[in-house]
PDB file of all heavy atoms in Angstrom:
ATOM      1  N   ASN A   1      28.673  32.251   5.956  1.00  0.00           N
ATOM      2  CA  ASN A   1      28.219  32.735   7.263  1.00  0.00           C
ATOM      3  C   ASN A   1      26.772  32.377   7.558  1.00  0.00           C
ATOM      4  O   ASN A   1      26.290  32.607   8.674  1.00  0.00           O
ATOM      5  CB  ASN A   1      28.391  34.250   7.345  1.00  0.00           C
ATOM      6  CG  ASN A   1      29.851  34.662   7.274  1.00  0.00           C
ATOM      7  OD1 ASN A   1      30.715  33.986   7.826  1.00  0.00           O
ATOM      8  ND2 ASN A   1      30.145  35.756   6.580  1.00  0.00           N
ATOM      9  N   ALA A   2      26.066  31.854   6.581  1.00  0.00           N
ATOM     10  CA  ALA A   2      24.653  31.517   6.769  1.00  0.00           C
ATOM     11  C   ALA A   2      24.508  30.100   7.312  1.00  0.00           C
ATOM     12  O   ALA A   2      25.232  29.191   6.915  1.00  0.00           O
ATOM     13  CB  ALA A   2      23.897  31.658   5.456  1.00  0.00           C
ATOM     14  N   LYS A   3      23.549  29.921   8.209  1.00  0.00           N
ATOM     15  CA  LYS A   3      23.195  28.590   8.673  1.00  0.00           C
ATOM     16  C   LYS A   3      22.177  27.988   7.700  1.00  0.00           C
ATOM     17  O   LYS A   3      21.485  28.697   6.984  1.00  0.00           O
ATOM     18  CB  LYS A   3      22.588  28.653  10.085  1.00  0.00           C
ATOM     19  CG  LYS A   3      23.457  29.374  11.102  1.00  0.00           C
ATOM     20  CD  LYS A   3      24.795  28.672  11.313  1.00  0.00           C
ATOM     21  CE  LYS A   3      25.600  29.371  12.418  1.00  0.00           C
ATOM     22  NZ  LYS A   3      26.916  28.746  12.611  1.00  0.00           N
ATOM     23  N   ILE A   4      22.089  26.673   7.703  1.00  0.00           N
ATOM     24  CA  ILE A   4      21.154  25.988   6.818  1.00  0.00           C
ATOM     25  C   ILE A   4      20.299  25.043   7.654  1.00  0.00           C
ATOM     26  O   ILE A   4      20.820  24.205   8.390  1.00  0.00           O
ATOM     27  CB  ILE A   4      21.887  25.180   5.734  1.00  0.00           C
ATOM     28  CG1 ILE A   4      22.798  26.082   4.901  1.00  0.00           C
ATOM     29  CG2 ILE A   4      20.866  24.479   4.818  1.00  0.00           C
ATOM     30  CD1 ILE A   4      23.718  25.317   3.966  1.00  0.00           C
ATOM     31  N   VAL A   5      18.991  25.209   7.512  1.00  0.00           N
ATOM     32  CA  VAL A   5      18.061  24.254   8.104  1.00  0.00           C
ATOM     33  C   VAL A   5      17.664  23.285   6.991  1.00  0.00           C
ATOM     34  O   VAL A   5      16.986  23.665   6.027  1.00  0.00           O
ATOM     35  CB  VAL A   5      16.814  24.943   8.678  1.00  0.00           C
ATOM     36  CG1 VAL A   5      15.871  23.909   9.289  1.00  0.00           C
ATOM     37  CG2 VAL A   5      17.198  25.989   9.715  1.00  0.00           C
ATOM     38  N   LEU A   6      18.106  22.063   7.109  1.00  0.00           N
ATOM     39  CA  LEU A   6      17.836  21.042   6.098  1.00  0.00           C
ATOM     40  C   LEU A   6      16.650  20.207   6.566  1.00  0.00           C
ATOM     41  O   LEU A   6      16.734  19.483   7.555  1.00  0.00           O
ATOM     42  CB  LEU A   6      19.072  20.157   5.905  1.00  0.00           C
ATOM     43  CG  LEU A   6      18.894  18.941   4.997  1.00  0.00           C
ATOM     44  CD1 LEU A   6      18.532  19.359   3.582  1.00  0.00           C
ATOM     45  CD2 LEU A   6      20.159  18.091   4.993  1.00  0.00           C
ATOM     46  N   LEU A   7      15.553  20.326   5.830  1.00  0.00           N
ATOM     47  CA  LEU A   7      14.345  19.596   6.173  1.00  0.00           C
ATOM     48  C   LEU A   7      14.312  18.239   5.481  1.00  0.00           C
ATOM     49  O   LEU A   7      14.689  18.117   4.305  1.00  0.00           O
ATOM     50  CB  LEU A   7      13.111  20.387   5.744  1.00  0.00           C
ATOM     51  CG  LEU A   7      12.723  21.569   6.640  1.00  0.00           C
ATOM     52  CD1 LEU A   7      11.917  22.579   5.859  1.00  0.00           C
ATOM     53  CD2 LEU A   7      11.919  21.077   7.838  1.00  0.00           C
ATOM     54  N   SER A   8      13.843  17.229   6.206  1.00  0.00           N
ATOM     55  CA  SER A   8      13.517  15.977   5.534  1.00  0.00           C
ATOM     56  C   SER A   8      12.411  16.238   4.524  1.00  0.00           C
ATOM     57  O   SER A   8      11.551  17.110   4.726  1.00  0.00           O
ATOM     58  CB  SER A   8      13.039  14.940   6.557  1.00  0.00           C
ATOM     59  OG  SER A   8      14.112  14.453   7.321  1.00  0.00           O
ATOM     60  N   ILE A   9      12.427  15.486   3.427  1.00  0.00           N
ATOM     61  CA  ILE A   9      11.376  15.628   2.426  1.00  0.00           C
ATOM     62  C   ILE A   9      10.055  15.207   3.064  1.00  0.00           C
ATOM     63  O   ILE A   9       9.976  14.179   3.744  1.00  0.00           O
ATOM     64  CB  ILE A   9      11.666  14.753   1.201  1.00  0.00           C
ATOM     65  CG1 ILE A   9      13.042  15.088   0.619  1.00  0.00           C
ATOM     66  CG2 ILE A   9      10.590  14.934   0.135  1.00  0.00           C
ATOM     67  CD1 ILE A   9      13.489  14.112  -0.452  1.00  0.00           C
ATOM     68  N   PHE A  10       9.013  15.998   2.856  1.00  0.00           N
ATOM     69  CA  PHE A  10       7.718  15.684   3.439  1.00  0.00           C
ATOM     70  C   PHE A  10       7.196  14.344   2.906  1.00  0.00           C
ATOM     71  O   PHE A  10       7.494  13.951   1.772  1.00  0.00           O
ATOM     72  CB  PHE A  10       6.706  16.783   3.122  1.00  0.00           C
ATOM     73  CG  PHE A  10       6.893  18.044   3.918  1.00  0.00           C
ATOM     74  CD1 PHE A  10       6.057  19.123   3.709  1.00  0.00           C
ATOM     75  CD2 PHE A  10       7.878  18.163   4.884  1.00  0.00           C
ATOM     76  CE1 PHE A  10       6.201  20.295   4.426  1.00  0.00           C
ATOM     77  CE2 PHE A  10       8.040  19.317   5.614  1.00  0.00           C
ATOM     78  CZ  PHE A  10       7.201  20.399   5.383  1.00  0.00           C
ATOM     79  N   PRO A  11       6.388  13.671   3.710  1.00  0.00           N
ATOM     80  CA  PRO A  11       5.815  12.407   3.242  1.00  0.00           C
ATOM     81  C   PRO A  11       4.874  12.636   2.054  1.00  0.00           C
ATOM     82  O   PRO A  11       4.227  13.673   1.960  1.00  0.00           O
ATOM     83  CB  PRO A  11       5.054  11.881   4.458  1.00  0.00           C
ATOM     84  CG  PRO A  11       4.767  13.098   5.277  1.00  0.00           C
ATOM     85  CD  PRO A  11       5.933  14.023   5.060  1.00  0.00           C
ATOM     86  N   ARG A  12       4.832  11.684   1.152  1.00  0.00           N
ATOM     87  CA  ARG A  12       3.919  11.747   0.017  1.00  0.00           C
ATOM     88  C   ARG A  12       3.232  10.381  -0.110  1.00  0.00           C
ATOM     89  O   ARG A  12       3.721   9.383   0.408  1.00  0.00           O
ATOM     90  CB  ARG A  12       4.634  12.110  -1.278  1.00  0.00           C
ATOM     91  CG  ARG A  12       5.661  11.122  -1.756  1.00  0.00           C
ATOM     92  CD  ARG A  12       6.297  11.579  -3.052  1.00  0.00           C
ATOM     93  NE  ARG A  12       5.319  11.704  -4.112  1.00  0.00           N
ATOM     94  CZ  ARG A  12       5.495  12.456  -5.215  1.00  0.00           C
ATOM     95  NH1 ARG A  12       6.626  13.130  -5.375  1.00  0.00           N
ATOM     96  NH2 ARG A  12       4.573  12.521  -6.146  1.00  0.00           N
ATOM     97  N   SER A  13       2.101  10.359  -0.778  1.00  0.00           N
ATOM     98  CA  SER A  13       1.279   9.165  -0.961  1.00  0.00           C
ATOM     99  C   SER A  13       0.548   8.826   0.351  1.00  0.00           C
ATOM    100  O   SER A  13       1.056   9.070   1.446  1.00  0.00           O
ATOM    101  CB  SER A  13       2.098   7.966  -1.423  1.00  0.00           C
ATOM    102  OG  SER A  13       2.872   8.305  -2.562  1.00  0.00           O
ATOM    103  N   GLU A  14      -0.617   8.273   0.206  1.00  0.00           N
ATOM    104  CA  GLU A  14      -1.463   8.039   1.384  1.00  0.00           C
ATOM    105  C   GLU A  14      -0.906   6.959   2.297  1.00  0.00           C
ATOM    106  O   GLU A  14      -0.845   7.122   3.517  1.00  0.00           O
ATOM    107  CB  GLU A  14      -2.867   7.664   0.921  1.00  0.00           C
ATOM    108  CG  GLU A  14      -3.839   7.452   2.073  1.00  0.00           C
ATOM    109  CD  GLU A  14      -5.233   7.075   1.601  1.00  0.00           C
ATOM    110  OE1 GLU A  14      -5.395   6.749   0.408  1.00  0.00           O
ATOM    111  OE2 GLU A  14      -6.156   7.102   2.437  1.00  0.00           O
ATOM    112  N   LYS A  15      -0.463   5.847   1.735  1.00  0.00           N
ATOM    113  CA  LYS A  15      -0.062   4.680   2.528  1.00  0.00           C
ATOM    114  C   LYS A  15       1.449   4.679   2.799  1.00  0.00           C
ATOM    115  O   LYS A  15       2.241   5.069   1.942  1.00  0.00           O
ATOM    116  CB  LYS A  15      -0.421   3.394   1.783  1.00  0.00           C
ATOM    117  CG  LYS A  15      -1.864   3.336   1.329  1.00  0.00           C
ATOM    118  CD  LYS A  15      -2.760   2.884   2.436  1.00  0.00           C
ATOM    119  CE  LYS A  15      -4.178   2.679   1.886  1.00  0.00           C
ATOM    120  NZ  LYS A  15      -5.156   2.510   2.983  1.00  0.00           N
ATOM    121  N   PRO A  16       1.832   4.212   3.970  1.00  0.00           N
ATOM    122  CA  PRO A  16       3.273   4.208   4.304  1.00  0.00           C
ATOM    123  C   PRO A  16       4.098   3.266   3.454  1.00  0.00           C
ATOM    124  O   PRO A  16       5.317   3.452   3.336  1.00  0.00           O
ATOM    125  CB  PRO A  16       3.290   3.785   5.778  1.00  0.00           C
ATOM    126  CG  PRO A  16       1.988   3.112   6.016  1.00  0.00           C
ATOM    127  CD  PRO A  16       1.000   3.753   5.101  1.00  0.00           C
ATOM    128  N   ASP A  17       3.456   2.238   2.843  1.00  0.00           N
ATOM    129  CA  ASP A  17       4.223   1.298   2.041  1.00  0.00           C
ATOM    130  C   ASP A  17       4.229   1.646   0.560  1.00  0.00           C
ATOM    131  O   ASP A  17       4.749   0.872  -0.260  1.00  0.00           O
ATOM    132  CB  ASP A  17       3.698  -0.127   2.230  1.00  0.00           C
ATOM    133  CG  ASP A  17       2.223  -0.264   1.844  1.00  0.00           C
ATOM    134  OD1 ASP A  17       1.582   0.773   1.569  1.00  0.00           O
ATOM    135  OD2 ASP A  17       1.719  -1.407   1.837  1.00  0.00           O
ATOM    136  N   ASP A  18       3.662   2.800   0.184  1.00  0.00           N
ATOM    137  CA  ASP A  18       3.720   3.217  -1.213  1.00  0.00           C
ATOM    138  C   ASP A  18       5.177   3.423  -1.613  1.00  0.00           C
ATOM    139  O   ASP A  18       5.984   3.946  -0.841  1.00  0.00           O
ATOM    140  CB  ASP A  18       2.942   4.514  -1.409  1.00  0.00           C
ATOM    141  CG  ASP A  18       2.973   5.009  -2.851  1.00  0.00           C
ATOM    142  OD1 ASP A  18       2.111   4.612  -3.639  1.00  0.00           O
ATOM    143  OD2 ASP A  18       3.898   5.794  -3.175  1.00  0.00           O
ATOM    144  N   LYS A  19       5.501   3.020  -2.844  1.00  0.00           N
ATOM    145  CA  LYS A  19       6.905   3.042  -3.265  1.00  0.00           C
ATOM    146  C   LYS A  19       7.507   4.450  -3.235  1.00  0.00           C
ATOM    147  O   LYS A  19       8.705   4.609  -2.959  1.00  0.00           O
ATOM    148  CB  LYS A  19       7.057   2.422  -4.646  1.00  0.00           C
ATOM    149  CG  LYS A  19       6.353   3.161  -5.769  1.00  0.00           C
ATOM    150  CD  LYS A  19       6.579   2.466  -7.115  1.00  0.00           C
ATOM    151  CE  LYS A  19       5.923   3.233  -8.250  1.00  0.00           C
ATOM    152  NZ  LYS A  19       6.150   2.570  -9.570  1.00  0.00           N
ATOM    153  N   MET A  20       6.692   5.479  -3.510  1.00  0.00           N
ATOM    154  CA  MET A  20       7.245   6.840  -3.487  1.00  0.00           C
ATOM    155  C   MET A  20       7.495   7.307  -2.057  1.00  0.00           C
ATOM    156  O   MET A  20       8.483   7.998  -1.794  1.00  0.00           O
ATOM    157  CB  MET A  20       6.321   7.798  -4.216  1.00  0.00           C
ATOM    158  CG  MET A  20       6.268   7.582  -5.717  1.00  0.00           C
ATOM    159  SD  MET A  20       5.441   8.926  -6.569  1.00  0.00           S
ATOM    160  CE  MET A  20       5.474   8.303  -8.255  1.00  0.00           C
ATOM    161  N   ARG A  21       6.606   6.934  -1.132  1.00  0.00           N
ATOM    162  CA  ARG A  21       6.838   7.263   0.284  1.00  0.00           C
ATOM    163  C   ARG A  21       8.103   6.566   0.766  1.00  0.00           C
ATOM    164  O   ARG A  21       8.928   7.161   1.470  1.00  0.00           O
ATOM    165  CB  ARG A  21       5.635   6.818   1.114  1.00  0.00           C
ATOM    166  CG  ARG A  21       5.853   6.981   2.631  1.00  0.00           C
ATOM    167  CD  ARG A  21       5.410   8.325   3.149  1.00  0.00           C
ATOM    168  NE  ARG A  21       3.983   8.425   3.170  1.00  0.00           N
ATOM    169  CZ  ARG A  21       3.176   8.025   4.171  1.00  0.00           C
ATOM    170  NH1 ARG A  21       3.694   7.488   5.257  1.00  0.00           N
ATOM    171  NH2 ARG A  21       1.877   8.191   4.104  1.00  0.00           N
ATOM    172  N   VAL A  22       8.239   5.319   0.391  1.00  0.00           N
ATOM    173  CA  VAL A  22       9.419   4.559   0.803  1.00  0.00           C
ATOM    174  C   VAL A  22      10.691   5.197   0.255  1.00  0.00           C
ATOM    175  O   VAL A  22      11.691   5.340   0.964  1.00  0.00           O
ATOM    176  CB  VAL A  22       9.296   3.089   0.354  1.00  0.00           C
ATOM    177  CG1 VAL A  22      10.612   2.341   0.601  1.00  0.00           C
ATOM    178  CG2 VAL A  22       8.152   2.397   1.074  1.00  0.00           C
ATOM    179  N   ARG A  23      10.633   5.607  -1.013  1.00  0.00           N
ATOM    180  CA  ARG A  23      11.823   6.211  -1.615  1.00  0.00           C
ATOM    181  C   ARG A  23      12.190   7.512  -0.906  1.00  0.00           C
ATOM    182  O   ARG A  23      13.372   7.774  -0.630  1.00  0.00           O
ATOM    183  CB  ARG A  23      11.590   6.448  -3.106  1.00  0.00           C
ATOM    184  CG  ARG A  23      12.763   7.105  -3.858  1.00  0.00           C
ATOM    185  CD  ARG A  23      14.090   6.346  -3.718  1.00  0.00           C
ATOM    186  NE  ARG A  23      13.950   4.925  -3.962  1.00  0.00           N
ATOM    187  CZ  ARG A  23      13.984   4.357  -5.162  1.00  0.00           C
ATOM    188  NH1 ARG A  23      14.143   5.092  -6.246  1.00  0.00           N
ATOM    189  NH2 ARG A  23      13.864   3.045  -5.283  1.00  0.00           N
ATOM    190  N   ASN A  24      11.193   8.358  -0.616  1.00  0.00           N
ATOM    191  CA  ASN A  24      11.495   9.597   0.109  1.00  0.00           C
ATOM    192  C   ASN A  24      12.089   9.314   1.478  1.00  0.00           C
ATOM    193  O   ASN A  24      12.993  10.021   1.941  1.00  0.00           O
ATOM    194  CB  ASN A  24      10.233  10.447   0.245  1.00  0.00           C
ATOM    195  CG  ASN A  24       9.949  11.297  -0.984  1.00  0.00           C
ATOM    196  OD1 ASN A  24      10.682  11.229  -1.968  1.00  0.00           O
ATOM    197  ND2 ASN A  24       8.898  12.088  -0.931  1.00  0.00           N
ATOM    198  N   SER A  25      11.602   8.260   2.139  1.00  0.00           N
ATOM    199  CA  SER A  25      12.171   7.895   3.443  1.00  0.00           C
ATOM    200  C   SER A  25      13.626   7.467   3.303  1.00  0.00           C
ATOM    201  O   SER A  25      14.467   7.790   4.162  1.00  0.00           O
ATOM    202  CB  SER A  25      11.344   6.766   4.073  1.00  0.00           C
ATOM    203  OG  SER A  25      10.027   7.197   4.345  1.00  0.00           O
ATOM    204  N   GLU A  26      13.930   6.753   2.240  1.00  0.00           N
ATOM    205  CA  GLU A  26      15.313   6.345   1.990  1.00  0.00           C
ATOM    206  C   GLU A  26      16.210   7.561   1.753  1.00  0.00           C
ATOM    207  O   GLU A  26      17.365   7.596   2.220  1.00  0.00           O
ATOM    208  CB  GLU A  26      15.364   5.420   0.779  1.00  0.00           C
ATOM    209  CG  GLU A  26      14.697   4.066   1.004  1.00  0.00           C
ATOM    210  CD  GLU A  26      14.541   3.268  -0.282  1.00  0.00           C
ATOM    211  OE1 GLU A  26      14.729   3.848  -1.382  1.00  0.00           O
ATOM    212  OE2 GLU A  26      14.221   2.073  -0.191  1.00  0.00           O
ATOM    213  N   ILE A  27      15.685   8.540   1.037  1.00  0.00           N
ATOM    214  CA  ILE A  27      16.446   9.782   0.820  1.00  0.00           C
ATOM    215  C   ILE A  27      16.688  10.472   2.147  1.00  0.00           C
ATOM    216  O   ILE A  27      17.811  10.931   2.459  1.00  0.00           O
ATOM    217  CB  ILE A  27      15.693  10.716  -0.146  1.00  0.00           C
ATOM    218  CG1 ILE A  27      15.554  10.078  -1.528  1.00  0.00           C
ATOM    219  CG2 ILE A  27      16.411  12.064  -0.259  1.00  0.00           C
ATOM    220  CD1 ILE A  27      14.553  10.789  -2.431  1.00  0.00           C
ATOM    221  N   ASN A  28      15.646  10.552   2.967  1.00  0.00           N
ATOM    222  CA  ASN A  28      15.766  11.244   4.255  1.00  0.00           C
ATOM    223  C   ASN A  28      16.791  10.589   5.161  1.00  0.00           C
ATOM    224  O   ASN A  28      17.512  11.275   5.900  1.00  0.00           O
ATOM    225  CB  ASN A  28      14.399  11.303   4.942  1.00  0.00           C
ATOM    226  CG  ASN A  28      13.448  12.272   4.269  1.00  0.00           C
ATOM    227  OD1 ASN A  28      13.892  13.202   3.589  1.00  0.00           O
ATOM    228  ND2 ASN A  28      12.153  12.065   4.441  1.00  0.00           N
TER     229      ASN A  28
END
């Protein structure tokens, strides 16, 4: 009966092309 708000993972690492930022974007 509960609703779920599923948040995208917040951005990490300073630069948009950092491999961890890219990986989180792929997950999202």
